[in-house]
Amino acid sequence: MKAINFKTILKNGIVTIPAEYSSEWEGKQICVILLDNAEKILPVETTDINPLKGSVTFDE
């Protein structure tokens, strides 16, 4: 299986393949995977429900 990677903008539901690749792929059945190129948003940190988790105390 051969793969190419390029960025494009979807317009009216049409994915345009760059000219340098189009003749090589013309008429072939292809598999398309779409990835959203939006800015990554990091998850919000949550506070630990149990503040004593991981604490060790010794009584003498």
C-alpha atoms as a PDB file:
ATOM      1  CA  MET A   1       0.000   0.000   0.000  1.00  0.00           C
ATOM      2  CA  LYS A   2       1.317   3.427  -0.916  1.00  0.00           C
ATOM      3  CA  ALA A   3       0.397   6.575   1.025  1.00  0.00           C
ATOM      4  CA  ILE A   4       0.758  10.328   0.518  1.00  0.00           C
ATOM      5  CA  ASN A   5       0.272  13.146   2.984  1.00  0.00           C
ATOM      6  CA  PHE A   6      -0.881  16.649   2.094  1.00  0.00           C
ATOM      7  CA  LYS A   7      -2.944  19.468   3.553  1.00  0.00           C
ATOM      8  CA  THR A   8      -5.971  20.906   1.806  1.00  0.00           C
ATOM      9  CA  ILE A   9      -9.230  22.668   2.580  1.00  0.00           C
ATOM     10  CA  LEU A  10     -12.503  20.844   2.037  1.00  0.00           C
ATOM     11  CA  LYS A  11     -14.764  22.864  -0.283  1.00  0.00           C
ATOM     12  CA  ASN A  12     -18.374  21.869  -0.971  1.00  0.00           C
ATOM     13  CA  GLY A  13     -17.602  18.337   0.208  1.00  0.00           C
ATOM     14  CA  ILE A  14     -14.749  17.911  -2.284  1.00  0.00           C
ATOM     15  CA  VAL A  15     -11.179  16.981  -1.339  1.00  0.00           C
ATOM     16  CA  THR A  16      -8.773  18.275  -3.975  1.00  0.00           C
ATOM     17  CA  ILE A  17      -5.614  16.228  -4.505  1.00  0.00           C
ATOM     18  CA  PRO A  18      -2.562  18.392  -5.322  1.00  0.00           C
ATOM     19  CA  ALA A  19      -1.529  18.381  -8.992  1.00  0.00           C
ATOM     20  CA  GLU A  20       1.788  16.631  -8.306  1.00  0.00           C
ATOM     21  CA  TYR A  21      -0.140  13.541  -7.109  1.00  0.00           C
ATOM     22  CA  SER A  22      -3.372  13.610  -9.134  1.00  0.00           C
ATOM     23  CA  SER A  23      -2.138  11.900 -12.326  1.00  0.00           C
ATOM     24  CA  GLU A  24      -0.573   9.043 -10.340  1.00  0.00           C
ATOM     25  CA  TRP A  25      -3.843   8.347  -8.516  1.00  0.00           C
ATOM     26  CA  GLU A  26      -6.336   9.118 -11.313  1.00  0.00           C
ATOM     27  CA  GLY A  27      -8.849   6.303 -11.849  1.00  0.00           C
ATOM     28  CA  LYS A  28      -7.634   4.281  -8.857  1.00  0.00           C
ATOM     29  CA  GLN A  29      -9.767   3.226  -5.930  1.00  0.00           C
ATOM     30  CA  ILE A  30      -8.380   5.024  -2.865  1.00  0.00           C
ATOM     31  CA  CYS A  31      -8.927   5.082   0.886  1.00  0.00           C
ATOM     32  CA  VAL A  32      -9.281   8.537   2.453  1.00  0.00           C
ATOM     33  CA  ILE A  33      -8.629   9.331   6.125  1.00  0.00           C
ATOM     34  CA  LEU A  34      -9.517  12.825   7.334  1.00  0.00           C
ATOM     35  CA  LEU A  35      -7.785  14.399  10.346  1.00  0.00           C
ATOM     36  CA  ASP A  36      -8.905  17.668  11.895  1.00  0.00           C
ATOM     37  CA  ASN A  37      -5.929  20.039  11.875  1.00  0.00           C
ATOM     38  CA  ALA A  38      -7.438  22.269  14.583  1.00  0.00           C
ATOM     39  CA  GLU A  39      -5.355  23.520  17.477  1.00  0.00           C
ATOM     40  CA  LYS A  40      -4.861  20.890  20.157  1.00  0.00           C
ATOM     41  CA  ILE A  41      -6.564  21.694  23.450  1.00  0.00           C
ATOM     42  CA  LEU A  42      -4.997  20.172  26.544  1.00  0.00           C
ATOM     43  CA  PRO A  43      -7.377  18.633  29.093  1.00  0.00           C
ATOM     44  CA  VAL A  44      -8.092  20.637  32.228  1.00  0.00           C
ATOM     45  CA  GLU A  45      -6.233  19.306  35.249  1.00  0.00           C
ATOM     46  CA  THR A  46      -8.498  17.792  37.862  1.00  0.00           C
ATOM     47  CA  THR A  47      -7.833  17.938  41.574  1.00  0.00           C
ATOM     48  CA  ASP A  48      -7.362  14.667  43.395  1.00  0.00           C
ATOM     49  CA  ILE A  49     -10.518  13.697  45.286  1.00  0.00           C
ATOM     50  CA  ASN A  50      -8.519  12.115  48.121  1.00  0.00           C
ATOM     51  CA  PRO A  51      -5.934  14.608  49.463  1.00  0.00           C
ATOM     52  CA  LEU A  52      -4.299  11.885  51.626  1.00  0.00           C
ATOM     53  CA  LYS A  53      -3.731   9.517  48.723  1.00  0.00           C
ATOM     54  CA  GLY A  54      -0.092   8.474  48.687  1.00  0.00           C
ATOM     55  CA  SER A  55       0.578   9.841  52.208  1.00  0.00           C
ATOM     56  CA  VAL A  56       2.262   7.636  54.791  1.00  0.00           C
ATOM     57  CA  THR A  57       2.431   8.408  58.516  1.00  0.00           C
ATOM     58  CA  PHE A  58       4.043   6.418  61.323  1.00  0.00           C
ATOM     59  CA  ASP A  59       3.000   6.485  64.975  1.00  0.00           C
ATOM     60  CA  GLU A  60       5.691   5.625  67.556  1.00  0.00           C
END
